[in-house]
Amino acid sequence: MPGRAPADDGYIDGDEETTMFLHPDHLLTLADQRHRELIEEADRHRLLSVARRARKARKVPAVRGRPAGTLASCDPSAAVPAR
């Protein structure tokens, strides 16, 4: 750029921008690595979701089989008598 110092052009030490060409094998290696990272991230997400559901299921008490209150059930096979 006219009127500016080389250090002000945004390049390190005044170097000009150069295009970087990747070898096809290197590009394939990078793509495979990214693919593995995405699979690992999905596995972590899936495992954390399963763990969260399991923790939530342990915290919520089961309603079935427990008396709802002090009234007797209308079902003749109720195991808990009225108090």
N, C-alpha and C. Protein backbone atom coordinates (compact mmCIF):
# COMPACT_ATOMS: atom_id res chain seq x y z
N MET A 1 0.85 -1.17 0.00
CA MET A 1 0.00 0.00 0.00
C MET A 1 0.89 1.24 0.00
N PRO A 2 0.57 2.21 -0.78
CA PRO A 2 1.42 3.39 -0.85
C PRO A 2 1.31 4.22 0.43
N GLY A 3 2.46 4.70 0.89
CA GLY A 3 2.49 5.57 2.04
C GLY A 3 2.43 4.86 3.38
N ARG A 4 2.50 3.54 3.41
CA ARG A 4 2.45 2.80 4.67
C ARG A 4 3.70 1.95 4.81
N ALA A 5 4.08 1.73 6.05
CA ALA A 5 5.25 0.90 6.32
C ALA A 5 4.88 -0.57 6.13
N PRO A 6 5.87 -1.43 5.80
CA PRO A 6 5.58 -2.86 5.62
C PRO A 6 4.97 -3.51 6.86
N ALA A 7 5.32 -3.01 8.04
CA ALA A 7 4.78 -3.62 9.27
C ALA A 7 3.30 -3.31 9.45
N ASP A 8 2.78 -2.32 8.73
CA ASP A 8 1.37 -1.94 8.87
C ASP A 8 0.46 -2.66 7.89
N ASP A 9 1.00 -3.55 7.06
CA ASP A 9 0.17 -4.17 6.03
C ASP A 9 -0.57 -5.41 6.52
N GLY A 10 -0.41 -5.79 7.79
CA GLY A 10 -1.12 -6.94 8.33
C GLY A 10 -0.36 -8.24 8.23
N TYR A 11 0.79 -8.21 7.58
CA TYR A 11 1.59 -9.41 7.45
C TYR A 11 2.72 -9.38 8.46
N ILE A 12 3.16 -10.53 8.89
CA ILE A 12 4.25 -10.62 9.85
C ILE A 12 5.56 -10.33 9.12
N ASP A 13 6.34 -9.44 9.66
CA ASP A 13 7.65 -9.07 9.12
C ASP A 13 7.58 -8.64 7.66
N GLY A 14 6.46 -8.12 7.23
CA GLY A 14 6.36 -7.64 5.85
C GLY A 14 6.28 -8.75 4.82
N ASP A 15 6.11 -10.01 5.23
CA ASP A 15 5.99 -11.11 4.26
C ASP A 15 4.71 -10.95 3.46
N GLU A 16 4.78 -11.32 2.24
CA GLU A 16 3.59 -11.31 1.40
C GLU A 16 2.77 -12.56 1.68
N GLU A 17 1.48 -12.46 1.40
CA GLU A 17 0.60 -13.60 1.60
C GLU A 17 0.93 -14.66 0.57
N THR A 18 1.03 -15.91 1.02
CA THR A 18 1.29 -17.01 0.10
C THR A 18 0.16 -18.02 0.21
N THR A 19 -0.15 -18.65 -0.89
CA THR A 19 -1.20 -19.66 -0.91
C THR A 19 -0.61 -20.99 -0.45
N MET A 20 -1.35 -21.66 0.45
CA MET A 20 -0.87 -22.94 0.97
C MET A 20 -1.65 -24.06 0.29
N PHE A 21 -0.93 -24.91 -0.39
CA PHE A 21 -1.55 -26.05 -1.04
C PHE A 21 -1.34 -27.28 -0.17
N LEU A 22 -2.43 -28.02 0.07
CA LEU A 22 -2.33 -29.23 0.87
C LEU A 22 -2.20 -30.44 -0.05
N HIS A 23 -1.36 -31.34 0.35
CA HIS A 23 -1.23 -32.60 -0.37
C HIS A 23 -2.51 -33.39 -0.14
N PRO A 24 -3.00 -34.11 -1.13
CA PRO A 24 -4.25 -34.87 -0.95
C PRO A 24 -4.22 -35.83 0.25
N ASP A 25 -3.07 -36.42 0.52
CA ASP A 25 -2.98 -37.33 1.67
C ASP A 25 -3.14 -36.55 2.98
N HIS A 26 -2.59 -35.36 3.04
CA HIS A 26 -2.71 -34.54 4.24
C HIS A 26 -4.16 -34.09 4.43
N LEU A 27 -4.79 -33.72 3.32
CA LEU A 27 -6.18 -33.30 3.38
C LEU A 27 -7.07 -34.46 3.84
N LEU A 28 -6.80 -35.65 3.34
CA LEU A 28 -7.55 -36.84 3.76
C LEU A 28 -7.32 -37.12 5.25
N THR A 29 -6.11 -36.96 5.71
CA THR A 29 -5.80 -37.16 7.13
C THR A 29 -6.56 -36.17 7.99
N LEU A 30 -6.60 -34.90 7.58
CA LEU A 30 -7.34 -33.89 8.32
C LEU A 30 -8.83 -34.19 8.33
N ALA A 31 -9.36 -34.62 7.19
CA ALA A 31 -10.79 -34.95 7.12
C ALA A 31 -11.12 -36.14 8.00
N ASP A 32 -10.27 -37.16 7.99
CA ASP A 32 -10.48 -38.33 8.85
C ASP A 32 -10.42 -37.96 10.33
N GLN A 33 -9.46 -37.11 10.68
CA GLN A 33 -9.33 -36.68 12.06
C GLN A 33 -10.58 -35.92 12.52
N ARG A 34 -11.06 -35.03 11.67
CA ARG A 34 -12.27 -34.26 12.01
C ARG A 34 -13.48 -35.19 12.13
N HIS A 35 -13.55 -36.17 11.25
CA HIS A 35 -14.64 -37.15 11.31
C HIS A 35 -14.60 -37.92 12.63
N ARG A 36 -13.42 -38.35 13.04
CA ARG A 36 -13.29 -39.06 14.33
C ARG A 36 -13.67 -38.15 15.50
N GLU A 37 -13.29 -36.87 15.42
CA GLU A 37 -13.66 -35.92 16.48
C GLU A 37 -15.17 -35.75 16.57
N LEU A 38 -15.84 -35.69 15.44
CA LEU A 38 -17.29 -35.56 15.44
C LEU A 38 -17.96 -36.80 16.01
N ILE A 39 -17.43 -37.97 15.68
CA ILE A 39 -17.98 -39.22 16.22
C ILE A 39 -17.77 -39.26 17.73
N GLU A 40 -16.59 -38.89 18.21
CA GLU A 40 -16.32 -38.88 19.65
C GLU A 40 -17.24 -37.89 20.37
N GLU A 41 -17.47 -36.74 19.76
CA GLU A 41 -18.36 -35.74 20.36
C GLU A 41 -19.79 -36.27 20.45
N ALA A 42 -20.24 -36.95 19.39
CA ALA A 42 -21.58 -37.53 19.41
C ALA A 42 -21.69 -38.63 20.46
N ASP A 43 -20.64 -39.44 20.60
CA ASP A 43 -20.64 -40.49 21.64
C ASP A 43 -20.70 -39.88 23.03
N ARG A 44 -19.92 -38.82 23.27
CA ARG A 44 -19.96 -38.16 24.58
C ARG A 44 -21.35 -37.61 24.86
N HIS A 45 -21.95 -36.98 23.85
CA HIS A 45 -23.29 -36.42 24.02
C HIS A 45 -24.30 -37.52 24.33
N ARG A 46 -24.20 -38.63 23.62
CA ARG A 46 -25.12 -39.75 23.83
C ARG A 46 -24.95 -40.33 25.23
N LEU A 47 -23.72 -40.53 25.66
CA LEU A 47 -23.47 -41.09 26.99
C LEU A 47 -23.93 -40.15 28.09
N LEU A 48 -23.71 -38.85 27.91
CA LEU A 48 -24.17 -37.90 28.92
C LEU A 48 -25.70 -37.86 28.97
N SER A 49 -26.34 -37.98 27.83
CA SER A 49 -27.81 -38.00 27.81
C SER A 49 -28.35 -39.23 28.55
N VAL A 50 -27.72 -40.37 28.33
CA VAL A 50 -28.14 -41.60 29.02
C VAL A 50 -27.94 -41.44 30.52
N ALA A 51 -26.81 -40.87 30.93
CA ALA A 51 -26.52 -40.68 32.35
C ALA A 51 -27.52 -39.71 32.98
N ARG A 52 -27.84 -38.64 32.27
CA ARG A 52 -28.82 -37.67 32.80
C ARG A 52 -30.19 -38.31 32.98
N ARG A 53 -30.60 -39.10 31.98
CA ARG A 53 -31.90 -39.78 32.10
C ARG A 53 -31.90 -40.76 33.26
N ALA A 54 -30.80 -41.46 33.46
CA ALA A 54 -30.72 -42.42 34.56
C ALA A 54 -30.77 -41.71 35.90
N ARG A 55 -30.07 -40.60 36.03
CA ARG A 55 -30.11 -39.83 37.30
C ARG A 55 -31.51 -39.29 37.55
N LYS A 56 -32.14 -38.79 36.50
CA LYS A 56 -33.48 -38.24 36.64
C LYS A 56 -34.46 -39.35 37.03
N ALA A 57 -34.31 -40.52 36.47
CA ALA A 57 -35.20 -41.64 36.79
C ALA A 57 -35.02 -42.08 38.23
N ARG A 58 -33.80 -42.00 38.76
CA ARG A 58 -33.57 -42.38 40.17
C ARG A 58 -34.18 -41.37 41.12
N LYS A 59 -34.22 -40.10 40.74
CA LYS A 59 -34.73 -39.06 41.63
C LYS A 59 -36.25 -39.06 41.70
N VAL A 60 -36.92 -39.40 40.61
CA VAL A 60 -38.37 -39.37 40.57
C VAL A 60 -38.90 -40.67 41.17
N PRO A 61 -39.65 -40.58 42.27
CA PRO A 61 -40.19 -41.81 42.86
C PRO A 61 -41.29 -42.39 41.97
N ALA A 62 -41.38 -43.70 41.97
CA ALA A 62 -42.41 -44.37 41.19
C ALA A 62 -43.76 -44.17 41.86
N VAL A 63 -44.78 -43.89 41.08
CA VAL A 63 -46.10 -43.63 41.62
C VAL A 63 -46.91 -44.91 41.72
N ARG A 64 -46.71 -45.82 40.81
CA ARG A 64 -47.49 -47.06 40.82
C ARG A 64 -47.14 -47.91 42.03
N GLY A 65 -48.17 -48.52 42.60
CA GLY A 65 -47.95 -49.42 43.73
C GLY A 65 -47.89 -48.71 45.07
N ARG A 66 -48.02 -47.40 45.08
CA ARG A 66 -48.00 -46.66 46.33
C ARG A 66 -49.39 -46.10 46.60
N PRO A 67 -49.77 -46.05 47.84
CA PRO A 67 -51.08 -45.48 48.13
C PRO A 67 -51.10 -43.99 47.83
N ALA A 68 -52.25 -43.52 47.34
CA ALA A 68 -52.37 -42.13 46.96
C ALA A 68 -52.71 -41.24 48.15
N GLY A 69 -53.17 -41.81 49.22
CA GLY A 69 -53.55 -41.03 50.39
C GLY A 69 -54.16 -41.94 51.44
N THR A 70 -55.10 -41.41 52.21
CA THR A 70 -55.71 -42.20 53.28
C THR A 70 -57.01 -42.86 52.85
N LEU A 71 -57.45 -42.62 51.62
CA LEU A 71 -58.68 -43.25 51.15
C LEU A 71 -58.38 -44.62 50.58
N ALA A 72 -59.33 -45.53 50.77
CA ALA A 72 -59.16 -46.88 50.23
C ALA A 72 -59.35 -46.84 48.72
N SER A 73 -58.70 -47.73 48.06
CA SER A 73 -58.81 -47.82 46.62
C SER A 73 -60.14 -48.45 46.26
N CYS A 74 -60.65 -48.11 45.09
CA CYS A 74 -61.88 -48.72 44.60
C CYS A 74 -61.62 -50.13 44.11
N ASP A 75 -60.41 -50.44 43.85
CA ASP A 75 -60.03 -51.76 43.35
C ASP A 75 -60.03 -52.74 44.52
N PRO A 76 -60.76 -53.86 44.41
CA PRO A 76 -60.81 -54.82 45.52
C PRO A 76 -59.47 -55.50 45.78
N SER A 77 -58.53 -55.44 44.85
CA SER A 77 -57.26 -56.12 45.07
C SER A 77 -56.18 -55.16 45.60
N ALA A 78 -56.60 -54.05 46.16
CA ALA A 78 -55.62 -53.09 46.69
C ALA A 78 -54.92 -53.70 47.88
N ALA A 79 -53.61 -53.55 47.91
CA ALA A 79 -52.80 -54.17 48.96
C ALA A 79 -52.78 -53.34 50.24
N VAL A 80 -53.07 -52.06 50.16
CA VAL A 80 -52.97 -51.21 51.34
C VAL A 80 -54.36 -50.84 51.81
N PRO A 81 -54.73 -51.19 53.06
CA PRO A 81 -56.06 -50.82 53.55
C PRO A 81 -56.10 -49.34 53.89
N ALA A 82 -57.30 -48.80 53.97
CA ALA A 82 -57.49 -47.41 54.34
C ALA A 82 -57.12 -47.23 55.79
N ARG A 83 -56.62 -46.08 56.15
CA ARG A 83 -56.24 -45.81 57.53
C ARG A 83 -57.34 -45.13 58.28
